[in-house]
Amino acid sequence: MTIETTTAGVLALIAIMALVTLVTRFGGVFAMSFVRISPRIESFINTMASSVLIAIVVPMAFSGDAGAVAALSVTAVTMLALRKPLPAIAAGIAAAGLVRYLF
């Protein structure tokens, strides 16, 4: 199946992607409505969130440019020091921008 890259084709693709996203999000909530949330399942859900974040960040740390490494380092140090995510994210963005601007 192919969809032409006309305006109608692009809009159809966007609508299909939006529908798939909604079905997966609502489907997950619907499926979890039948599951009793025990401490073990709650631990699994919390661990999965961290593992997804790590799966995104670690490859960038090893194959990213100097700006990415600076952002990750500054974000980690700021988070450990302040224990607040928003200042850590802001510091990481500023570090990436500064390194990329200077180098």
PDB file of N, CA and C in Angstrom:
ATOM      1  N   MET A   1       0.840  -1.182   0.000  1.00  0.00           N
ATOM      2  CA  MET A   1       0.000   0.000   0.000  1.00  0.00           C
ATOM      3  C   MET A   1       0.877   1.235   0.000  1.00  0.00           C
ATOM      4  N   THR A   2       0.575   2.163  -0.840  1.00  0.00           N
ATOM      5  CA  THR A   2       1.322   3.421  -0.881  1.00  0.00           C
ATOM      6  C   THR A   2       0.336   4.584  -0.793  1.00  0.00           C
ATOM      7  N   ILE A   3       0.819   5.642  -0.211  1.00  0.00           N
ATOM      8  CA  ILE A   3       0.026   6.871  -0.124  1.00  0.00           C
ATOM      9  C   ILE A   3       0.842   7.969  -0.785  1.00  0.00           C
ATOM     10  N   GLU A   4       0.208   8.665  -1.696  1.00  0.00           N
ATOM     11  CA  GLU A   4       0.916   9.726  -2.409  1.00  0.00           C
ATOM     12  C   GLU A   4       1.208  10.891  -1.475  1.00  0.00           C
ATOM     13  N   THR A   5       2.277  11.604  -1.771  1.00  0.00           N
ATOM     14  CA  THR A   5       2.681  12.721  -0.912  1.00  0.00           C
ATOM     15  C   THR A   5       2.043  14.031  -1.360  1.00  0.00           C
ATOM     16  N   THR A   6       0.775  13.947  -1.696  1.00  0.00           N
ATOM     17  CA  THR A   6       0.018  15.169  -1.958  1.00  0.00           C
ATOM     18  C   THR A   6      -0.489  15.703  -0.624  1.00  0.00           C
ATOM     19  N   THR A   7      -1.150  16.818  -0.676  1.00  0.00           N
ATOM     20  CA  THR A   7      -1.678  17.397   0.561  1.00  0.00           C
ATOM     21  C   THR A   7      -2.661  16.442   1.234  1.00  0.00           C
ATOM     22  N   ALA A   8      -3.533  15.832   0.445  1.00  0.00           N
ATOM     23  CA  ALA A   8      -4.510  14.895   1.011  1.00  0.00           C
ATOM     24  C   ALA A   8      -3.811  13.665   1.578  1.00  0.00           C
ATOM     25  N   GLY A   9      -2.766  13.184   0.904  1.00  0.00           N
ATOM     26  CA  GLY A   9      -2.031  12.017   1.390  1.00  0.00           C
ATOM     27  C   GLY A   9      -1.317  12.303   2.699  1.00  0.00           C
ATOM     28  N   VAL A  10      -0.708  13.470   2.801  1.00  0.00           N
ATOM     29  CA  VAL A  10      -0.006  13.849   4.029  1.00  0.00           C
ATOM     30  C   VAL A  10      -1.005  14.002   5.173  1.00  0.00           C
ATOM     31  N   LEU A  11      -2.138  14.635   4.902  1.00  0.00           N
ATOM     32  CA  LEU A  11      -3.162  14.783   5.943  1.00  0.00           C
ATOM     33  C   LEU A  11      -3.705  13.420   6.375  1.00  0.00           C
ATOM     34  N   ALA A  12      -3.851  12.501   5.423  1.00  0.00           N
ATOM     35  CA  ALA A  12      -4.312  11.150   5.762  1.00  0.00           C
ATOM     36  C   ALA A  12      -3.291  10.447   6.659  1.00  0.00           C
ATOM     37  N   LEU A  13      -2.009  10.592   6.341  1.00  0.00           N
ATOM     38  CA  LEU A  13      -0.968   9.992   7.176  1.00  0.00           C
ATOM     39  C   LEU A  13      -0.979  10.560   8.585  1.00  0.00           C
ATOM     40  N   ILE A  14      -1.132  11.868   8.708  1.00  0.00           N
ATOM     41  CA  ILE A  14      -1.184  12.502  10.024  1.00  0.00           C
ATOM     42  C   ILE A  14      -2.391  11.994  10.799  1.00  0.00           C
ATOM     43  N   ALA A  15      -3.540  11.874  10.131  1.00  0.00           N
ATOM     44  CA  ALA A  15      -4.748  11.377  10.799  1.00  0.00           C
ATOM     45  C   ALA A  15      -4.567   9.928  11.250  1.00  0.00           C
ATOM     46  N   ILE A  16      -3.938   9.105  10.423  1.00  0.00           N
ATOM     47  CA  ILE A  16      -3.700   7.705  10.781  1.00  0.00           C
ATOM     48  C   ILE A  16      -2.759   7.613  11.976  1.00  0.00           C
ATOM     49  N   MET A  17      -1.679   8.411  11.972  1.00  0.00           N
ATOM     50  CA  MET A  17      -0.739   8.391  13.097  1.00  0.00           C
ATOM     51  C   MET A  17      -1.406   8.879  14.378  1.00  0.00           C
ATOM     52  N   ALA A  18      -2.240   9.891  14.290  1.00  0.00           N
ATOM     53  CA  ALA A  18      -2.959  10.380  15.466  1.00  0.00           C
ATOM     54  C   ALA A  18      -3.901   9.309  15.999  1.00  0.00           C
ATOM     55  N   LEU A  19      -4.593   8.617  15.098  1.00  0.00           N
ATOM     56  CA  LEU A  19      -5.508   7.556  15.508  1.00  0.00           C
ATOM     57  C   LEU A  19      -4.764   6.410  16.197  1.00  0.00           C
ATOM     58  N   VAL A  20      -3.632   6.004  15.626  1.00  0.00           N
ATOM     59  CA  VAL A  20      -2.840   4.933  16.234  1.00  0.00           C
ATOM     60  C   VAL A  20      -2.341   5.352  17.613  1.00  0.00           C
ATOM     61  N   THR A  21      -1.897   6.580  17.744  1.00  0.00           N
ATOM     62  CA  THR A  21      -1.437   7.081  19.040  1.00  0.00           C
ATOM     63  C   THR A  21      -2.562   7.065  20.072  1.00  0.00           C
ATOM     64  N   LEU A  22      -3.729   7.543  19.679  1.00  0.00           N
ATOM     65  CA  LEU A  22      -4.867   7.552  20.600  1.00  0.00           C
ATOM     66  C   LEU A  22      -5.282   6.138  20.995  1.00  0.00           C
ATOM     67  N   VAL A  23      -5.313   5.219  20.036  1.00  0.00           N
ATOM     68  CA  VAL A  23      -5.715   3.845  20.336  1.00  0.00           C
ATOM     69  C   VAL A  23      -4.733   3.195  21.302  1.00  0.00           C
ATOM     70  N   THR A  24      -3.428   3.418  21.110  1.00  0.00           N
ATOM     71  CA  THR A  24      -2.464   2.801  22.019  1.00  0.00           C
ATOM     72  C   THR A  24      -2.544   3.415  23.414  1.00  0.00           C
ATOM     73  N   ARG A  25      -2.737   4.720  23.497  1.00  0.00           N
ATOM     74  CA  ARG A  25      -2.832   5.358  24.817  1.00  0.00           C
ATOM     75  C   ARG A  25      -4.107   4.947  25.551  1.00  0.00           C
ATOM     76  N   PHE A  26      -5.243   5.036  24.856  1.00  0.00           N
ATOM     77  CA  PHE A  26      -6.504   4.651  25.496  1.00  0.00           C
ATOM     78  C   PHE A  26      -6.557   3.148  25.734  1.00  0.00           C
ATOM     79  N   GLY A  27      -5.955   2.375  24.837  1.00  0.00           N
ATOM     80  CA  GLY A  27      -5.929   0.917  25.010  1.00  0.00           C
ATOM     81  C   GLY A  27      -5.154   0.512  26.246  1.00  0.00           C
ATOM     82  N   GLY A  28      -4.055   1.190  26.515  1.00  0.00           N
ATOM     83  CA  GLY A  28      -3.276   0.897  27.711  1.00  0.00           C
ATOM     84  C   GLY A  28      -4.044   1.206  28.980  1.00  0.00           C
ATOM     85  N   VAL A  29      -4.726   2.336  28.989  1.00  0.00           N
ATOM     86  CA  VAL A  29      -5.540   2.705  30.159  1.00  0.00           C
ATOM     87  C   VAL A  29      -6.687   1.714  30.318  1.00  0.00           C
ATOM     88  N   PHE A  30      -7.315   1.331  29.204  1.00  0.00           N
ATOM     89  CA  PHE A  30      -8.422   0.380  29.254  1.00  0.00           C
ATOM     90  C   PHE A  30      -7.946  -0.972  29.771  1.00  0.00           C
ATOM     91  N   ALA A  31      -6.813  -1.455  29.273  1.00  0.00           N
ATOM     92  CA  ALA A  31      -6.291  -2.746  29.718  1.00  0.00           C
ATOM     93  C   ALA A  31      -5.916  -2.709  31.197  1.00  0.00           C
ATOM     94  N   MET A  32      -5.318  -1.610  31.638  1.00  0.00           N
ATOM     95  CA  MET A  32      -4.918  -1.507  33.044  1.00  0.00           C
ATOM     96  C   MET A  32      -6.117  -1.346  33.983  1.00  0.00           C
ATOM     97  N   SER A  33      -7.284  -0.990  33.443  1.00  0.00           N
ATOM     98  CA  SER A  33      -8.461  -0.882  34.303  1.00  0.00           C
ATOM     99  C   SER A  33      -8.908  -2.252  34.824  1.00  0.00           C
ATOM    100  N   PHE A  34      -8.439  -3.322  34.182  1.00  0.00           N
ATOM    101  CA  PHE A  34      -8.780  -4.676  34.620  1.00  0.00           C
ATOM    102  C   PHE A  34      -7.718  -5.280  35.536  1.00  0.00           C
ATOM    103  N   VAL A  35      -6.640  -4.547  35.799  1.00  0.00           N
ATOM    104  CA  VAL A  35      -5.536  -5.070  36.593  1.00  0.00           C
ATOM    105  C   VAL A  35      -5.543  -4.388  37.959  1.00  0.00           C
ATOM    106  N   ARG A  36      -5.447  -5.190  39.010  1.00  0.00           N
ATOM    107  CA  ARG A  36      -5.344  -4.629  40.353  1.00  0.00           C
ATOM    108  C   ARG A  36      -3.896  -4.181  40.547  1.00  0.00           C
ATOM    109  N   ILE A  37      -3.697  -2.933  40.934  1.00  0.00           N
ATOM    110  CA  ILE A  37      -2.357  -2.373  41.075  1.00  0.00           C
ATOM    111  C   ILE A  37      -1.795  -2.785  42.439  1.00  0.00           C
ATOM    112  N   SER A  38      -0.979  -3.812  42.409  1.00  0.00           N
ATOM    113  CA  SER A  38      -0.308  -4.263  43.626  1.00  0.00           C
ATOM    114  C   SER A  38       1.024  -3.528  43.749  1.00  0.00           C
ATOM    115  N   PRO A  39       1.687  -3.608  44.885  1.00  0.00           N
ATOM    116  CA  PRO A  39       3.000  -2.963  45.008  1.00  0.00           C
ATOM    117  C   PRO A  39       4.004  -3.473  43.966  1.00  0.00           C
ATOM    118  N   ARG A  40       3.912  -4.745  43.617  1.00  0.00           N
ATOM    119  CA  ARG A  40       4.831  -5.304  42.615  1.00  0.00           C
ATOM    120  C   ARG A  40       4.578  -4.694  41.237  1.00  0.00           C
ATOM    121  N   ILE A  41       3.313  -4.550  40.846  1.00  0.00           N
ATOM    122  CA  ILE A  41       2.986  -3.948  39.545  1.00  0.00           C
ATOM    123  C   ILE A  41       3.337  -2.465  39.542  1.00  0.00           C
ATOM    124  N   GLU A  42       3.097  -1.775  40.643  1.00  0.00           N
ATOM    125  CA  GLU A  42       3.465  -0.356  40.737  1.00  0.00           C
ATOM    126  C   GLU A  42       4.979  -0.179  40.597  1.00  0.00           C
ATOM    127  N   SER A  43       5.744  -1.062  41.199  1.00  0.00           N
ATOM    128  CA  SER A  43       7.201  -1.023  41.073  1.00  0.00           C
ATOM    129  C   SER A  43       7.624  -1.257  39.634  1.00  0.00           C
ATOM    130  N   PHE A  44       6.968  -2.198  38.953  1.00  0.00           N
ATOM    131  CA  PHE A  44       7.267  -2.472  37.550  1.00  0.00           C
ATOM    132  C   PHE A  44       7.001  -1.246  36.685  1.00  0.00           C
ATOM    133  N   ILE A  45       5.867  -0.594  36.898  1.00  0.00           N
ATOM    134  CA  ILE A  45       5.514   0.587  36.101  1.00  0.00           C
ATOM    135  C   ILE A  45       6.524   1.705  36.334  1.00  0.00           C
ATOM    136  N   ASN A  46       6.909   1.942  37.579  1.00  0.00           N
ATOM    137  CA  ASN A  46       7.897   2.982  37.878  1.00  0.00           C
ATOM    138  C   ASN A  46       9.255   2.655  37.274  1.00  0.00           C
ATOM    139  N   THR A  47       9.634   1.386  37.300  1.00  0.00           N
ATOM    140  CA  THR A  47      10.912   0.971  36.736  1.00  0.00           C
ATOM    141  C   THR A  47      10.913   1.106  35.218  1.00  0.00           C
ATOM    142  N   MET A  48       9.798   0.805  34.582  1.00  0.00           N
ATOM    143  CA  MET A  48       9.717   0.915  33.125  1.00  0.00           C
ATOM    144  C   MET A  48       9.918   2.358  32.671  1.00  0.00           C
ATOM    145  N   ALA A  49       9.372   3.314  33.411  1.00  0.00           N
ATOM    146  CA  ALA A  49       9.551   4.718  33.044  1.00  0.00           C
ATOM    147  C   ALA A  49      11.028   5.092  33.070  1.00  0.00           C
ATOM    148  N   SER A  50      11.733   4.639  34.088  1.00  0.00           N
ATOM    149  CA  SER A  50      13.166   4.934  34.182  1.00  0.00           C
ATOM    150  C   SER A  50      13.955   4.235  33.090  1.00  0.00           C
ATOM    151  N   SER A  51      13.588   3.002  32.774  1.00  0.00           N
ATOM    152  CA  SER A  51      14.342   2.263  31.764  1.00  0.00           C
ATOM    153  C   SER A  51      14.155   2.864  30.377  1.00  0.00           C
ATOM    154  N   VAL A  52      12.977   3.390  30.088  1.00  0.00           N
ATOM    155  CA  VAL A  52      12.761   4.053  28.798  1.00  0.00           C
ATOM    156  C   VAL A  52      13.622   5.309  28.713  1.00  0.00           C
ATOM    157  N   LEU A  53      13.664   6.080  29.780  1.00  0.00           N
ATOM    158  CA  LEU A  53      14.495   7.281  29.796  1.00  0.00           C
ATOM    159  C   LEU A  53      15.970   6.929  29.617  1.00  0.00           C
ATOM    160  N   ILE A  54      16.430   5.901  30.291  1.00  0.00           N
ATOM    161  CA  ILE A  54      17.827   5.473  30.165  1.00  0.00           C
ATOM    162  C   ILE A  54      18.114   4.989  28.754  1.00  0.00           C
ATOM    163  N   ALA A  55      17.165   4.270  28.150  1.00  0.00           N
ATOM    164  CA  ALA A  55      17.360   3.779  26.786  1.00  0.00           C
ATOM    165  C   ALA A  55      17.483   4.919  25.777  1.00  0.00           C
ATOM    166  N   ILE A  56      16.902   6.057  26.083  1.00  0.00           N
ATOM    167  CA  ILE A  56      17.020   7.216  25.192  1.00  0.00           C
ATOM    168  C   ILE A  56      18.309   7.972  25.448  1.00  0.00           C
ATOM    169  N   VAL A  57      18.699   8.111  26.702  1.00  0.00           N
ATOM    170  CA  VAL A  57      19.819   8.966  27.075  1.00  0.00           C
ATOM    171  C   VAL A  57      21.184   8.307  26.846  1.00  0.00           C
ATOM    172  N   VAL A  58      21.339   7.039  27.154  1.00  0.00           N
ATOM    173  CA  VAL A  58      22.651   6.386  27.099  1.00  0.00           C
ATOM    174  C   VAL A  58      23.259   6.389  25.698  1.00  0.00           C
ATOM    175  N   PRO A  59      22.522   6.041  24.631  1.00  0.00           N
ATOM    176  CA  PRO A  59      23.146   6.121  23.305  1.00  0.00           C
ATOM    177  C   PRO A  59      23.617   7.526  22.950  1.00  0.00           C
ATOM    178  N   MET A  60      22.864   8.537  23.395  1.00  0.00           N
ATOM    179  CA  MET A  60      23.269   9.910  23.127  1.00  0.00           C
ATOM    180  C   MET A  60      24.554  10.254  23.877  1.00  0.00           C
ATOM    181  N   ALA A  61      24.738   9.680  25.051  1.00  0.00           N
ATOM    182  CA  ALA A  61      25.957   9.954  25.818  1.00  0.00           C
ATOM    183  C   ALA A  61      27.188   9.380  25.127  1.00  0.00           C
ATOM    184  N   PHE A  62      27.032   8.253  24.450  1.00  0.00           N
ATOM    185  CA  PHE A  62      28.183   7.625  23.807  1.00  0.00           C
ATOM    186  C   PHE A  62      28.407   8.077  22.375  1.00  0.00           C
ATOM    187  N   SER A  63      27.355   8.442  21.654  1.00  0.00           N
ATOM    188  CA  SER A  63      27.533   8.816  20.256  1.00  0.00           C
ATOM    189  C   SER A  63      27.184  10.270  19.968  1.00  0.00           C
ATOM    190  N   GLY A  64      26.804  11.018  20.988  1.00  0.00           N
ATOM    191  CA  GLY A  64      26.430  12.414  20.782  1.00  0.00           C
ATOM    192  C   GLY A  64      27.642  13.318  20.641  1.00  0.00           C
ATOM    193  N   ASP A  65      27.385  14.528  20.211  1.00  0.00           N
ATOM    194  CA  ASP A  65      28.459  15.509  20.072  1.00  0.00           C
ATOM    195  C   ASP A  65      28.808  16.083  21.450  1.00  0.00           C
ATOM    196  N   ALA A  66      29.714  17.037  21.464  1.00  0.00           N
ATOM    197  CA  ALA A  66      30.164  17.629  22.727  1.00  0.00           C
ATOM    198  C   ALA A  66      29.021  18.336  23.445  1.00  0.00           C
ATOM    199  N   GLY A  67      28.100  18.925  22.709  1.00  0.00           N
ATOM    200  CA  GLY A  67      26.954  19.597  23.318  1.00  0.00           C
ATOM    201  C   GLY A  67      26.047  18.620  24.060  1.00  0.00           C
ATOM    202  N   ALA A  68      25.841  17.452  23.461  1.00  0.00           N
ATOM    203  CA  ALA A  68      24.998  16.443  24.113  1.00  0.00           C
ATOM    204  C   ALA A  68      25.645  15.927  25.388  1.00  0.00           C
ATOM    205  N   VAL A  69      26.940  15.667  25.333  1.00  0.00           N
ATOM    206  CA  VAL A  69      27.648  15.178  26.517  1.00  0.00           C
ATOM    207  C   VAL A  69      27.655  16.245  27.615  1.00  0.00           C
ATOM    208  N   ALA A  70      27.862  17.499  27.234  1.00  0.00           N
ATOM    209  CA  ALA A  70      27.835  18.591  28.210  1.00  0.00           C
ATOM    210  C   ALA A  70      26.446  18.717  28.837  1.00  0.00           C
ATOM    211  N   ALA A  71      25.415  18.622  28.009  1.00  0.00           N
ATOM    212  CA  ALA A  71      24.049  18.724  28.526  1.00  0.00           C
ATOM    213  C   ALA A  71      23.753  17.601  29.508  1.00  0.00           C
ATOM    214  N   LEU A  72      24.131  16.386  29.167  1.00  0.00           N
ATOM    215  CA  LEU A  72      23.882  15.254  30.062  1.00  0.00           C
ATOM    216  C   LEU A  72      24.653  15.406  31.374  1.00  0.00           C
ATOM    217  N   SER A  73      25.905  15.823  31.268  1.00  0.00           N
ATOM    218  CA  SER A  73      26.726  15.971  32.473  1.00  0.00           C
ATOM    219  C   SER A  73      26.197  17.062  33.392  1.00  0.00           C
ATOM    220  N   VAL A  74      25.911  18.214  32.825  1.00  0.00           N
ATOM    221  CA  VAL A  74      25.426  19.338  33.631  1.00  0.00           C
ATOM    222  C   VAL A  74      24.053  19.018  34.222  1.00  0.00           C
ATOM    223  N   THR A  75      23.209  18.371  33.449  1.00  0.00           N
ATOM    224  CA  THR A  75      21.887  17.997  33.957  1.00  0.00           C
ATOM    225  C   THR A  75      22.013  17.032  35.129  1.00  0.00           C
ATOM    226  N   ALA A  76      22.880  16.031  34.992  1.00  0.00           N
ATOM    227  CA  ALA A  76      23.058  15.046  36.065  1.00  0.00           C
ATOM    228  C   ALA A  76      23.595  15.695  37.333  1.00  0.00           C
ATOM    229  N   VAL A  77      24.613  16.547  37.187  1.00  0.00           N
ATOM    230  CA  VAL A  77      25.210  17.195  38.357  1.00  0.00           C
ATOM    231  C   VAL A  77      24.205  18.134  39.026  1.00  0.00           C
ATOM    232  N   THR A  78      23.483  18.901  38.221  1.00  0.00           N
ATOM    233  CA  THR A  78      22.496  19.834  38.774  1.00  0.00           C
ATOM    234  C   THR A  78      21.368  19.074  39.466  1.00  0.00           C
ATOM    235  N   MET A  79      20.952  17.974  38.879  1.00  0.00           N
ATOM    236  CA  MET A  79      19.883  17.185  39.497  1.00  0.00           C
ATOM    237  C   MET A  79      20.336  16.592  40.832  1.00  0.00           C
ATOM    238  N   LEU A  80      21.568  16.114  40.876  1.00  0.00           N
ATOM    239  CA  LEU A  80      22.086  15.566  42.132  1.00  0.00           C
ATOM    240  C   LEU A  80      22.243  16.651  43.196  1.00  0.00           C
ATOM    241  N   ALA A  81      22.614  17.846  42.762  1.00  0.00           N
ATOM    242  CA  ALA A  81      22.834  18.932  43.719  1.00  0.00           C
ATOM    243  C   ALA A  81      21.522  19.539  44.215  1.00  0.00           C
ATOM    244  N   LEU A  82      20.591  19.793  43.301  1.00  0.00           N
ATOM    245  CA  LEU A  82      19.365  20.507  43.673  1.00  0.00           C
ATOM    246  C   LEU A  82      18.161  19.604  43.910  1.00  0.00           C
ATOM    247  N   ARG A  83      18.180  18.426  43.296  1.00  0.00           N
ATOM    248  CA  ARG A  83      17.063  17.480  43.374  1.00  0.00           C
ATOM    249  C   ARG A  83      15.759  18.085  42.853  1.00  0.00           C
ATOM    250  N   LYS A  84      15.881  18.951  41.853  1.00  0.00           N
ATOM    251  CA  LYS A  84      14.709  19.549  41.211  1.00  0.00           C
ATOM    252  C   LYS A  84      14.895  19.421  39.699  1.00  0.00           C
ATOM    253  N   PRO A  85      13.935  18.828  39.003  1.00  0.00           N
ATOM    254  CA  PRO A  85      14.133  18.566  37.572  1.00  0.00           C
ATOM    255  C   PRO A  85      14.151  19.809  36.685  1.00  0.00           C
ATOM    256  N   LEU A  86      13.317  20.792  36.956  1.00  0.00           N
ATOM    257  CA  LEU A  86      13.239  21.946  36.066  1.00  0.00           C
ATOM    258  C   LEU A  86      14.548  22.736  35.986  1.00  0.00           C
ATOM    259  N   PRO A  87      15.188  23.085  37.110  1.00  0.00           N
ATOM    260  CA  PRO A  87      16.484  23.765  36.991  1.00  0.00           C
ATOM    261  C   PRO A  87      17.548  22.881  36.331  1.00  0.00           C
ATOM    262  N   ALA A  88      17.481  21.580  36.560  1.00  0.00           N
ATOM    263  CA  ALA A  88      18.455  20.677  35.946  1.00  0.00           C
ATOM    264  C   ALA A  88      18.284  20.649  34.435  1.00  0.00           C
ATOM    265  N   ILE A  89      17.046  20.595  33.968  1.00  0.00           N
ATOM    266  CA  ILE A  89      16.784  20.604  32.525  1.00  0.00           C
ATOM    267  C   ILE A  89      17.225  21.931  31.922  1.00  0.00           C
ATOM    268  N   ALA A  90      16.906  23.023  32.596  1.00  0.00           N
ATOM    269  CA  ALA A  90      17.303  24.345  32.091  1.00  0.00           C
ATOM    270  C   ALA A  90      18.821  24.471  32.020  1.00  0.00           C
ATOM    271  N   ALA A  91      19.520  23.975  33.026  1.00  0.00           N
ATOM    272  CA  ALA A  91      20.983  24.041  33.021  1.00  0.00           C
ATOM    273  C   ALA A  91      21.555  23.174  31.901  1.00  0.00           C
ATOM    274  N   GLY A  92      20.959  22.009  31.671  1.00  0.00           N
ATOM    275  CA  GLY A  92      21.418  21.140  30.590  1.00  0.00           C
ATOM    276  C   GLY A  92      21.226  21.776  29.225  1.00  0.00           C
ATOM    277  N   ILE A  93      20.081  22.408  29.019  1.00  0.00           N
ATOM    278  CA  ILE A  93      19.826  23.094  27.749  1.00  0.00           C
ATOM    279  C   ILE A  93      20.805  24.240  27.557  1.00  0.00           C
ATOM    280  N   ALA A  94      21.034  24.996  28.616  1.00  0.00           N
ATOM    281  CA  ALA A  94      21.984  26.115  28.535  1.00  0.00           C
ATOM    282  C   ALA A  94      23.396  25.606  28.237  1.00  0.00           C
ATOM    283  N   ALA A  95      23.794  24.500  28.864  1.00  0.00           N
ATOM    284  CA  ALA A  95      25.132  23.946  28.624  1.00  0.00           C
ATOM    285  C   ALA A  95      25.276  23.484  27.177  1.00  0.00           C
ATOM    286  N   ALA A  96      24.255  22.808  26.661  1.00  0.00           N
ATOM    287  CA  ALA A  96      24.309  22.349  25.262  1.00  0.00           C
ATOM    288  C   ALA A  96      24.397  23.539  24.318  1.00  0.00           C
ATOM    289  N   GLY A  97      23.594  24.550  24.568  1.00  0.00           N
ATOM    290  CA  GLY A  97      23.620  25.731  23.711  1.00  0.00           C
ATOM    291  C   GLY A  97      24.965  26.450  23.765  1.00  0.00           C
ATOM    292  N   LEU A  98      25.517  26.578  24.955  1.00  0.00           N
ATOM    293  CA  LEU A  98      26.787  27.269  25.119  1.00  0.00           C
ATOM    294  C   LEU A  98      27.919  26.501  24.429  1.00  0.00           C
ATOM    295  N   VAL A  99      27.981  25.204  24.639  1.00  0.00           N
ATOM    296  CA  VAL A  99      29.043  24.389  24.010  1.00  0.00           C
ATOM    297  C   VAL A  99      28.914  24.425  22.489  1.00  0.00           C
ATOM    298  N   ARG A 100      27.704  24.293  21.992  1.00  0.00           N
ATOM    299  CA  ARG A 100      27.508  24.312  20.535  1.00  0.00           C
ATOM    300  C   ARG A 100      27.764  25.680  19.944  1.00  0.00           C
ATOM    301  N   TYR A 101      27.528  26.733  20.703  1.00  0.00           N
ATOM    302  CA  TYR A 101      27.808  28.080  20.218  1.00  0.00           C
ATOM    303  C   TYR A 101      29.315  28.355  20.166  1.00  0.00           C
ATOM    304  N   LEU A 102      30.027  27.882  21.201  1.00  0.00           N
ATOM    305  CA  LEU A 102      31.451  28.163  21.282  1.00  0.00           C
ATOM    306  C   LEU A 102      32.300  27.245  20.409  1.00  0.00           C
ATOM    307  N   PHE A 103      31.853  26.016  20.196  1.00  0.00           N
ATOM    308  CA  PHE A 103      32.668  25.061  19.427  1.00  0.00           C
ATOM    309  C   PHE A 103      31.984  24.748  18.171  1.00  0.00           C
TER     310      PHE A 103
END
